[in-house]
Amino acid sequence: MNPLDRPDPAVVTPGSTGLFGRRKALSLFAGAGLLALAGCASSSRSTSGLASGTSTTTSTTAAGSAAACTTAIPEETAGPYPGDGSNGPNVLSADGIVRRDIRSSFGSATGVADGVPITIKLAVTRADGCTPLAGGAVYAWHCDQQGRYSLYTEGVTGENYLRGIQPIGDDGSDSFLSIFPAAYSGRWPHIHFEVYPSLEQATSGSGKLATSQLALPKAACDLVYATDGYEASVGNLARTSLASDNVFGDGYAQQLATVTGDVTGGMTVSLSLSV
């Protein structure tokens, strides 16, 4: 079976939370739009088009950013392919997992993930005061251009690409170099992440502060999926929506990223979040 045609079951792995029963305060964010990386300042973001130069622009408000800063990001399932030891393989303690560029495998694995390059930029704060989570760490992972998850999917069980841990800076910033993930059957395009209080705890998989998912905006998906290698994603994206997705369907205001850049020079995926 083509991995892009298989559904992603709503598996709740050991140690993760369920899909629903949270977001009690999401009505506060209905007008917040996309969340800016910078935090509380008003700003605008654009998603560049292809050769035509078309773009879509969204803006955030200071009030919306401030509200997001004081509310913890919704908890989500880690899904069936976390690689954190809660459902099979544990890559967190492996030598080489702490890296910014997650496009290639490490250790004895040699695979490299193809696709439109992206920089994932996260701004992580504490919900109890909006202070940067300095000294913390983020573990991020997602599927490849064909909808496969390393360590789990047939054909890439021996690979560990598109997984990595990065320490959070003193200003709360964290970033990864990766590729734009595919849209596969049953799920809206997304990136998984876990937040830990320290790098040491991230590599041991202990003391997790949050497990959530970042949603990618449709305008960016449309641009990327028009390029070579993403052909199957076009149909899969057309058959789902943020509103019908089994994770984002009950609200996604705090998880919808801002995307800038283009498919030639690369894109930047940004999200501000609190834990």
C-alpha atoms as a PDB file:
ATOM      1  CA  MET A   1       0.000   0.000   0.000  1.00  0.00           C
ATOM      2  CA  ASN A   2       1.229   3.449  -0.843  1.00  0.00           C
ATOM      3  CA  PRO A   3       1.809   5.150   2.532  1.00  0.00           C
ATOM      4  CA  LEU A   4       0.175   8.286   1.176  1.00  0.00           C
ATOM      5  CA  ASP A   5      -3.071   6.350   0.778  1.00  0.00           C
ATOM      6  CA  ARG A   6      -3.185   4.913   4.258  1.00  0.00           C
ATOM      7  CA  PRO A   7      -5.060   6.639   7.053  1.00  0.00           C
ATOM      8  CA  ASP A   8      -3.272   7.777  10.194  1.00  0.00           C
ATOM      9  CA  PRO A   9      -5.306   6.134  12.952  1.00  0.00           C
ATOM     10  CA  ALA A  10      -6.097   8.244  15.969  1.00  0.00           C
ATOM     11  CA  VAL A  11      -3.852   6.170  18.170  1.00  0.00           C
ATOM     12  CA  VAL A  12      -3.272   7.460  21.675  1.00  0.00           C
ATOM     13  CA  THR A  13       0.124   6.160  22.637  1.00  0.00           C
ATOM     14  CA  PRO A  14       1.165   5.425  26.224  1.00  0.00           C
ATOM     15  CA  GLY A  15       1.988   8.612  28.034  1.00  0.00           C
ATOM     16  CA  SER A  16       0.121  10.841  25.571  1.00  0.00           C
ATOM     17  CA  THR A  17      -3.222  12.586  25.961  1.00  0.00           C
ATOM     18  CA  GLY A  18      -6.395  11.932  24.013  1.00  0.00           C
ATOM     19  CA  LEU A  19      -7.532  13.882  21.017  1.00  0.00           C
ATOM     20  CA  PHE A  20     -10.391  15.724  22.627  1.00  0.00           C
ATOM     21  CA  GLY A  21     -11.578  17.207  25.911  1.00  0.00           C
ATOM     22  CA  ARG A  22      -9.344  20.265  25.752  1.00  0.00           C
ATOM     23  CA  ARG A  23      -9.283  23.771  24.266  1.00  0.00           C
ATOM     24  CA  LYS A  24     -11.830  25.110  26.708  1.00  0.00           C
ATOM     25  CA  ALA A  25     -10.675  28.627  25.996  1.00  0.00           C
ATOM     26  CA  LEU A  26     -10.306  28.505  22.229  1.00  0.00           C
ATOM     27  CA  SER A  27     -13.150  30.931  21.704  1.00  0.00           C
ATOM     28  CA  LEU A  28     -10.735  33.600  22.874  1.00  0.00           C
ATOM     29  CA  PHE A  29      -8.627  33.034  19.782  1.00  0.00           C
ATOM     30  CA  ALA A  30     -11.234  33.021  17.041  1.00  0.00           C
ATOM     31  CA  GLY A  31      -9.897  36.289  15.643  1.00  0.00           C
ATOM     32  CA  ALA A  32      -6.252  35.711  16.364  1.00  0.00           C
ATOM     33  CA  GLY A  33      -5.440  34.270  12.914  1.00  0.00           C
ATOM     34  CA  LEU A  34      -1.971  32.897  12.426  1.00  0.00           C
ATOM     35  CA  LEU A  35       0.368  33.198  15.386  1.00  0.00           C
ATOM     36  CA  ALA A  36       3.490  35.255  14.813  1.00  0.00           C
ATOM     37  CA  LEU A  37       6.900  34.049  15.916  1.00  0.00           C
ATOM     38  CA  ALA A  38       7.793  37.341  17.491  1.00  0.00           C
ATOM     39  CA  GLY A  39       5.185  37.140  20.233  1.00  0.00           C
ATOM     40  CA  CYS A  40       3.263  40.212  21.330  1.00  0.00           C
ATOM     41  CA  ALA A  41       4.025  42.701  18.562  1.00  0.00           C
ATOM     42  CA  SER A  42       1.587  43.249  15.701  1.00  0.00           C
ATOM     43  CA  SER A  43       2.986  41.914  12.432  1.00  0.00           C
ATOM     44  CA  SER A  44       2.168  40.569   8.965  1.00  0.00           C
ATOM     45  CA  ARG A  45       3.314  37.447   7.167  1.00  0.00           C
ATOM     46  CA  SER A  46       3.217  36.462   3.500  1.00  0.00           C
ATOM     47  CA  THR A  47       3.430  33.171   1.674  1.00  0.00           C
ATOM     48  CA  SER A  48       5.245  33.715  -1.595  1.00  0.00           C
ATOM     49  CA  GLY A  49       3.902  32.108  -4.737  1.00  0.00           C
ATOM     50  CA  LEU A  50       5.616  30.195  -7.517  1.00  0.00           C
ATOM     51  CA  ALA A  51       6.999  31.809 -10.645  1.00  0.00           C
ATOM     52  CA  SER A  52       3.867  33.925 -10.920  1.00  0.00           C
ATOM     53  CA  GLY A  53       4.844  35.740  -7.744  1.00  0.00           C
ATOM     54  CA  THR A  54       1.377  35.430  -6.229  1.00  0.00           C
ATOM     55  CA  SER A  55       1.157  35.627  -2.475  1.00  0.00           C
ATOM     56  CA  THR A  56      -1.262  35.365   0.397  1.00  0.00           C
ATOM     57  CA  THR A  57      -0.912  37.607   3.411  1.00  0.00           C
ATOM     58  CA  THR A  58      -2.185  37.152   6.937  1.00  0.00           C
ATOM     59  CA  SER A  59      -1.755  39.356   9.979  1.00  0.00           C
ATOM     60  CA  THR A  60      -1.810  38.916  13.720  1.00  0.00           C
ATOM     61  CA  THR A  61      -2.870  41.314  16.417  1.00  0.00           C
ATOM     62  CA  ALA A  62      -1.073  42.210  19.612  1.00  0.00           C
ATOM     63  CA  ALA A  63      -4.131  41.143  21.614  1.00  0.00           C
ATOM     64  CA  GLY A  64      -4.235  37.736  19.912  1.00  0.00           C
ATOM     65  CA  SER A  65      -0.528  37.107  20.479  1.00  0.00           C
ATOM     66  CA  ALA A  66      -0.775  38.132  24.107  1.00  0.00           C
ATOM     67  CA  ALA A  67      -3.704  35.767  24.649  1.00  0.00           C
ATOM     68  CA  ALA A  68      -1.791  32.884  23.081  1.00  0.00           C
ATOM     69  CA  CYS A  69       1.154  33.594  25.339  1.00  0.00           C
ATOM     70  CA  THR A  70      -0.888  32.992  28.488  1.00  0.00           C
ATOM     71  CA  THR A  71      -2.650  29.820  27.317  1.00  0.00           C
ATOM     72  CA  ALA A  72      -0.841  26.498  26.983  1.00  0.00           C
ATOM     73  CA  ILE A  73      -0.876  24.906  23.548  1.00  0.00           C
ATOM     74  CA  PRO A  74      -3.476  22.109  23.300  1.00  0.00           C
ATOM     75  CA  GLU A  75      -2.305  18.613  24.086  1.00  0.00           C
ATOM     76  CA  GLU A  76      -2.509  16.153  21.202  1.00  0.00           C
ATOM     77  CA  THR A  77      -1.790  12.504  20.570  1.00  0.00           C
ATOM     78  CA  ALA A  78       1.795  11.709  19.638  1.00  0.00           C
ATOM     79  CA  GLY A  79       0.287   9.434  17.000  1.00  0.00           C
ATOM     80  CA  PRO A  80       1.394   5.929  16.125  1.00  0.00           C
ATOM     81  CA  TYR A  81       4.933   6.919  15.046  1.00  0.00           C
ATOM     82  CA  PRO A  82       6.500   8.995  17.849  1.00  0.00           C
ATOM     83  CA  GLY A  83       9.892   7.310  18.081  1.00  0.00           C
ATOM     84  CA  ASP A  84      10.076   8.346  21.741  1.00  0.00           C
ATOM     85  CA  GLY A  85       9.767   4.853  23.201  1.00  0.00           C
ATOM     86  CA  SER A  86       6.036   5.147  23.957  1.00  0.00           C
ATOM     87  CA  ASN A  87       5.134   3.078  20.894  1.00  0.00           C
ATOM     88  CA  GLY A  88       8.066   0.952  19.790  1.00  0.00           C
ATOM     89  CA  PRO A  89      11.408   2.525  18.773  1.00  0.00           C
ATOM     90  CA  ASN A  90      13.121   5.099  20.977  1.00  0.00           C
ATOM     91  CA  VAL A  91      15.399   7.476  19.087  1.00  0.00           C
ATOM     92  CA  LEU A  92      15.666  10.105  21.830  1.00  0.00           C
ATOM     93  CA  SER A  93      18.739   8.608  23.483  1.00  0.00           C
ATOM     94  CA  ALA A  94      20.560   7.836  20.228  1.00  0.00           C
ATOM     95  CA  ASP A  95      23.870   9.537  19.495  1.00  0.00           C
ATOM     96  CA  GLY A  96      23.238  12.198  16.875  1.00  0.00           C
ATOM     97  CA  ILE A  97      19.594  12.951  17.696  1.00  0.00           C
ATOM     98  CA  VAL A  98      20.494  16.437  18.953  1.00  0.00           C
ATOM     99  CA  ARG A  99      20.818  18.308  15.663  1.00  0.00           C
ATOM    100  CA  ARG A 100      19.283  21.232  13.820  1.00  0.00           C
ATOM    101  CA  ASP A 101      19.280  19.712  10.327  1.00  0.00           C
ATOM    102  CA  ILE A 102      16.960  16.706  10.407  1.00  0.00           C
ATOM    103  CA  ARG A 103      16.791  16.051   6.665  1.00  0.00           C
ATOM    104  CA  SER A 104      19.259  13.164   6.735  1.00  0.00           C
ATOM    105  CA  SER A 105      19.483  10.049   8.856  1.00  0.00           C
ATOM    106  CA  PHE A 106      22.306   9.673  11.361  1.00  0.00           C
ATOM    107  CA  GLY A 107      24.354   6.891  12.920  1.00  0.00           C
ATOM    108  CA  SER A 108      24.551   3.852  10.636  1.00  0.00           C
ATOM    109  CA  ALA A 109      21.573   5.018   8.531  1.00  0.00           C
ATOM    110  CA  THR A 110      22.322   7.018   5.393  1.00  0.00           C
ATOM    111  CA  GLY A 111      18.978   8.076   3.906  1.00  0.00           C
ATOM    112  CA  VAL A 112      18.190  11.690   3.035  1.00  0.00           C
ATOM    113  CA  ALA A 113      14.645  13.050   2.806  1.00  0.00           C
ATOM    114  CA  ASP A 114      13.803  14.860  -0.436  1.00  0.00           C
ATOM    115  CA  GLY A 115      11.368  17.743  -0.653  1.00  0.00           C
ATOM    116  CA  VAL A 116      10.925  21.515  -0.510  1.00  0.00           C
ATOM    117  CA  PRO A 117      13.287  22.797   2.202  1.00  0.00           C
ATOM    118  CA  ILE A 118      11.814  24.482   5.253  1.00  0.00           C
ATOM    119  CA  THR A 119      13.074  26.083   8.430  1.00  0.00           C
ATOM    120  CA  ILE A 120      10.840  25.356  11.406  1.00  0.00           C
ATOM    121  CA  LYS A 121      10.975  28.249  13.882  1.00  0.00           C
ATOM    122  CA  LEU A 122       9.318  27.925  17.279  1.00  0.00           C
ATOM    123  CA  ALA A 123       9.045  30.566  20.002  1.00  0.00           C
ATOM    124  CA  VAL A 124       8.414  28.762  23.287  1.00  0.00           C
ATOM    125  CA  THR A 125       7.244  30.533  26.444  1.00  0.00           C
ATOM    126  CA  ARG A 126       5.797  29.611  29.808  1.00  0.00           C
ATOM    127  CA  ALA A 127       2.040  30.093  30.010  1.00  0.00           C
ATOM    128  CA  ASP A 128       2.302  31.207  33.649  1.00  0.00           C
ATOM    129  CA  GLY A 129       4.128  34.422  32.802  1.00  0.00           C
ATOM    130  CA  CYS A 130       5.037  34.483  29.122  1.00  0.00           C
ATOM    131  CA  THR A 131       8.732  34.156  29.917  1.00  0.00           C
ATOM    132  CA  PRO A 132      10.948  32.254  27.450  1.00  0.00           C
ATOM    133  CA  LEU A 133      11.423  28.560  28.238  1.00  0.00           C
ATOM    134  CA  ALA A 134      15.183  29.068  28.342  1.00  0.00           C
ATOM    135  CA  GLY A 135      17.117  25.833  28.786  1.00  0.00           C
ATOM    136  CA  GLY A 136      14.257  23.686  27.550  1.00  0.00           C
ATOM    137  CA  ALA A 137      14.286  21.488  24.458  1.00  0.00           C
ATOM    138  CA  VAL A 138      12.000  20.418  21.615  1.00  0.00           C
ATOM    139  CA  TYR A 139      11.798  17.034  19.899  1.00  0.00           C
ATOM    140  CA  ALA A 140      10.241  17.403  16.431  1.00  0.00           C
ATOM    141  CA  TRP A 141       9.283  14.767  13.844  1.00  0.00           C
ATOM    142  CA  HIS A 142       7.096  14.388  10.756  1.00  0.00           C
ATOM    143  CA  CYS A 143       6.528  12.312   7.624  1.00  0.00           C
ATOM    144  CA  ASP A 144       8.557  12.539   4.422  1.00  0.00           C
ATOM    145  CA  GLN A 145       7.580  13.579   0.892  1.00  0.00           C
ATOM    146  CA  GLN A 146       5.860  10.223   0.374  1.00  0.00           C
ATOM    147  CA  GLY A 147       3.975  10.251   3.675  1.00  0.00           C
ATOM    148  CA  ARG A 148       6.321   7.765   5.358  1.00  0.00           C
ATOM    149  CA  TYR A 149       7.582   7.943   8.931  1.00  0.00           C
ATOM    150  CA  SER A 150      11.158   6.813   9.521  1.00  0.00           C
ATOM    151  CA  LEU A 151      11.596   3.884  11.937  1.00  0.00           C
ATOM    152  CA  TYR A 152       8.023   2.680  11.258  1.00  0.00           C
ATOM    153  CA  THR A 153       6.905   2.700   7.610  1.00  0.00           C
ATOM    154  CA  GLU A 154       7.863  -0.091   5.225  1.00  0.00           C
ATOM    155  CA  GLY A 155      10.841   1.020   3.171  1.00  0.00           C
ATOM    156  CA  VAL A 156      12.212   3.436   5.789  1.00  0.00           C
ATOM    157  CA  THR A 157      12.234   1.349   8.975  1.00  0.00           C
ATOM    158  CA  GLY A 158      16.036   1.486   8.898  1.00  0.00           C
ATOM    159  CA  GLU A 159      16.097   5.287   8.589  1.00  0.00           C
ATOM    160  CA  ASN A 160      15.761   7.925  11.313  1.00  0.00           C
ATOM    161  CA  TYR A 161      15.514  11.102   9.248  1.00  0.00           C
ATOM    162  CA  LEU A 162      13.022  13.901   9.945  1.00  0.00           C
ATOM    163  CA  ARG A 163      13.519  13.495  13.695  1.00  0.00           C
ATOM    164  CA  GLY A 164      15.632  15.634  15.970  1.00  0.00           C
ATOM    165  CA  ILE A 165      16.034  17.469  19.256  1.00  0.00           C
ATOM    166  CA  GLN A 166      17.121  21.083  19.660  1.00  0.00           C
ATOM    167  CA  PRO A 167      17.754  23.071  22.855  1.00  0.00           C
ATOM    168  CA  ILE A 168      15.662  26.198  23.338  1.00  0.00           C
ATOM    169  CA  GLY A 169      17.635  29.465  23.412  1.00  0.00           C
ATOM    170  CA  ASP A 170      17.589  32.052  26.166  1.00  0.00           C
ATOM    171  CA  ASP A 171      15.037  34.031  24.150  1.00  0.00           C
ATOM    172  CA  GLY A 172      12.734  31.020  23.782  1.00  0.00           C
ATOM    173  CA  SER A 173      13.650  30.373  20.154  1.00  0.00           C
ATOM    174  CA  ASP A 174      14.155  26.948  18.634  1.00  0.00           C
ATOM    175  CA  SER A 175      14.637  25.946  14.996  1.00  0.00           C
ATOM    176  CA  PHE A 176      15.099  22.968  12.689  1.00  0.00           C
ATOM    177  CA  LEU A 177      16.029  22.539   9.030  1.00  0.00           C
ATOM    178  CA  SER A 178      13.720  20.049   7.332  1.00  0.00           C
ATOM    179  CA  ILE A 179      11.481  19.432   4.306  1.00  0.00           C
ATOM    180  CA  PHE A 180       7.790  20.193   3.811  1.00  0.00           C
ATOM    181  CA  PRO A 181       5.845  17.068   4.839  1.00  0.00           C
ATOM    182  CA  ALA A 182       3.342  15.305   2.593  1.00  0.00           C
ATOM    183  CA  ALA A 183      -0.415  15.158   2.959  1.00  0.00           C
ATOM    184  CA  TYR A 184      -1.434  11.552   3.475  1.00  0.00           C
ATOM    185  CA  SER A 185      -4.870   9.990   3.606  1.00  0.00           C
ATOM    186  CA  GLY A 186      -6.956  10.970   6.611  1.00  0.00           C
ATOM    187  CA  ARG A 187      -4.760  13.735   8.006  1.00  0.00           C
ATOM    188  CA  TRP A 188      -4.173  17.435   7.434  1.00  0.00           C
ATOM    189  CA  PRO A 189      -0.442  18.216   6.838  1.00  0.00           C
ATOM    190  CA  HIS A 190       1.259  18.599  10.196  1.00  0.00           C
ATOM    191  CA  ILE A 191       4.457  18.463  12.249  1.00  0.00           C
ATOM    192  CA  HIS A 192       4.631  16.713  15.629  1.00  0.00           C
ATOM    193  CA  PHE A 193       6.603  18.020  18.583  1.00  0.00           C
ATOM    194  CA  GLU A 194       7.233  17.430  22.270  1.00  0.00           C
ATOM    195  CA  VAL A 195       8.524  20.075  24.678  1.00  0.00           C
ATOM    196  CA  TYR A 196      10.825  19.191  27.568  1.00  0.00           C
ATOM    197  CA  PRO A 197      12.184  21.293  30.469  1.00  0.00           C
ATOM    198  CA  SER A 198      15.814  20.526  29.566  1.00  0.00           C
ATOM    199  CA  LEU A 199      17.967  18.907  26.909  1.00  0.00           C
ATOM    200  CA  GLU A 200      18.936  16.157  29.336  1.00  0.00           C
ATOM    201  CA  GLN A 201      15.295  15.310  29.974  1.00  0.00           C
ATOM    202  CA  ALA A 202      14.502  15.376  26.256  1.00  0.00           C
ATOM    203  CA  THR A 203      17.187  12.807  25.477  1.00  0.00           C
ATOM    204  CA  SER A 204      15.950  10.603  28.312  1.00  0.00           C
ATOM    205  CA  GLY A 205      12.284  11.126  27.437  1.00  0.00           C
ATOM    206  CA  SER A 206      11.388  12.296  30.944  1.00  0.00           C
ATOM    207  CA  GLY A 207       9.479  15.245  32.373  1.00  0.00           C
ATOM    208  CA  LYS A 208       7.631  16.087  29.155  1.00  0.00           C
ATOM    209  CA  LEU A 209       5.814  19.435  29.347  1.00  0.00           C
ATOM    210  CA  ALA A 210       3.683  19.164  26.224  1.00  0.00           C
ATOM    211  CA  THR A 211       2.899  16.993  23.208  1.00  0.00           C
ATOM    212  CA  SER A 212       1.230  18.765  20.314  1.00  0.00           C
ATOM    213  CA  GLN A 213       1.078  19.219  16.543  1.00  0.00           C
ATOM    214  CA  LEU A 214       1.649  22.147  14.230  1.00  0.00           C
ATOM    215  CA  ALA A 215      -0.796  22.592  11.326  1.00  0.00           C
ATOM    216  CA  LEU A 216       0.394  23.879   7.956  1.00  0.00           C
ATOM    217  CA  PRO A 217      -1.743  26.512   6.159  1.00  0.00           C
ATOM    218  CA  LYS A 218      -3.517  25.506   2.956  1.00  0.00           C
ATOM    219  CA  ALA A 219      -1.964  28.262   0.819  1.00  0.00           C
ATOM    220  CA  ALA A 220       1.526  26.943   1.539  1.00  0.00           C
ATOM    221  CA  CYS A 221       0.435  23.329   0.996  1.00  0.00           C
ATOM    222  CA  ASP A 222      -1.033  24.206  -2.394  1.00  0.00           C
ATOM    223  CA  LEU A 223       2.231  25.806  -3.512  1.00  0.00           C
ATOM    224  CA  VAL A 224       4.417  22.929  -2.349  1.00  0.00           C
ATOM    225  CA  TYR A 225       2.190  20.135  -3.613  1.00  0.00           C
ATOM    226  CA  ALA A 226       2.311  21.598  -7.124  1.00  0.00           C
ATOM    227  CA  THR A 227       6.016  20.645  -7.272  1.00  0.00           C
ATOM    228  CA  ASP A 228       7.588  17.352  -8.338  1.00  0.00           C
ATOM    229  CA  GLY A 229       7.459  14.547  -5.794  1.00  0.00           C
ATOM    230  CA  TYR A 230       4.296  15.678  -4.031  1.00  0.00           C
ATOM    231  CA  GLU A 231       1.782  14.537  -6.663  1.00  0.00           C
ATOM    232  CA  ALA A 232      -0.128  12.160  -4.364  1.00  0.00           C
ATOM    233  CA  SER A 233      -0.497  14.906  -1.750  1.00  0.00           C
ATOM    234  CA  VAL A 234      -2.731  16.949  -4.054  1.00  0.00           C
ATOM    235  CA  GLY A 235      -5.596  14.450  -3.926  1.00  0.00           C
ATOM    236  CA  ASN A 236      -5.102  13.676  -0.252  1.00  0.00           C
ATOM    237  CA  LEU A 237      -5.251  17.358   0.669  1.00  0.00           C
ATOM    238  CA  ALA A 238      -8.430  17.796  -1.382  1.00  0.00           C
ATOM    239  CA  ARG A 239     -10.140  15.016   0.575  1.00  0.00           C
ATOM    240  CA  THR A 240      -9.632  16.567   4.018  1.00  0.00           C
ATOM    241  CA  SER A 241      -9.720  19.899   5.787  1.00  0.00           C
ATOM    242  CA  LEU A 242      -8.667  21.423   9.067  1.00  0.00           C
ATOM    243  CA  ALA A 243     -12.291  21.292  10.182  1.00  0.00           C
ATOM    244  CA  SER A 244     -12.617  17.557   9.457  1.00  0.00           C
ATOM    245  CA  ASP A 245      -9.151  16.498  10.639  1.00  0.00           C
ATOM    246  CA  ASN A 246      -9.265  14.120  13.623  1.00  0.00           C
ATOM    247  CA  VAL A 247      -6.756  16.241  15.541  1.00  0.00           C
ATOM    248  CA  PHE A 248      -7.397  19.824  14.449  1.00  0.00           C
ATOM    249  CA  GLY A 249     -11.139  19.454  13.902  1.00  0.00           C
ATOM    250  CA  ASP A 250     -12.051  20.735  17.377  1.00  0.00           C
ATOM    251  CA  GLY A 251     -10.017  23.920  16.985  1.00  0.00           C
ATOM    252  CA  TYR A 252      -6.606  24.855  15.610  1.00  0.00           C
ATOM    253  CA  ALA A 253      -6.150  28.587  16.251  1.00  0.00           C
ATOM    254  CA  GLN A 254      -3.130  28.017  18.499  1.00  0.00           C
ATOM    255  CA  GLN A 255      -1.530  25.458  16.194  1.00  0.00           C
ATOM    256  CA  LEU A 256      -1.822  26.995  12.725  1.00  0.00           C
ATOM    257  CA  ALA A 257       1.653  28.101  11.658  1.00  0.00           C
ATOM    258  CA  THR A 258       2.689  31.095   9.596  1.00  0.00           C
ATOM    259  CA  VAL A 259       4.638  30.268   6.422  1.00  0.00           C
ATOM    260  CA  THR A 260       6.847  32.654   4.453  1.00  0.00           C
ATOM    261  CA  GLY A 261       9.210  32.166   1.526  1.00  0.00           C
ATOM    262  CA  ASP A 262       8.803  30.132  -1.664  1.00  0.00           C
ATOM    263  CA  VAL A 263       9.377  26.659  -3.059  1.00  0.00           C
ATOM    264  CA  THR A 264      12.615  27.635  -4.770  1.00  0.00           C
ATOM    265  CA  GLY A 265      14.443  29.426  -1.983  1.00  0.00           C
ATOM    266  CA  GLY A 266      12.803  27.499   0.823  1.00  0.00           C
ATOM    267  CA  MET A 267      10.069  28.307   3.321  1.00  0.00           C
ATOM    268  CA  THR A 268      10.008  29.305   6.971  1.00  0.00           C
ATOM    269  CA  VAL A 269       7.338  27.730   9.166  1.00  0.00           C
ATOM    270  CA  SER A 270       6.793  29.751  12.357  1.00  0.00           C
ATOM    271  CA  LEU A 271       4.716  29.198  15.466  1.00  0.00           C
ATOM    272  CA  SER A 272       4.586  30.818  18.900  1.00  0.00           C
ATOM    273  CA  LEU A 273       3.455  28.541  21.712  1.00  0.00           C
ATOM    274  CA  SER A 274       3.270  28.350  25.469  1.00  0.00           C
ATOM    275  CA  VAL A 275       3.525  25.365  27.786  1.00  0.00           C
END
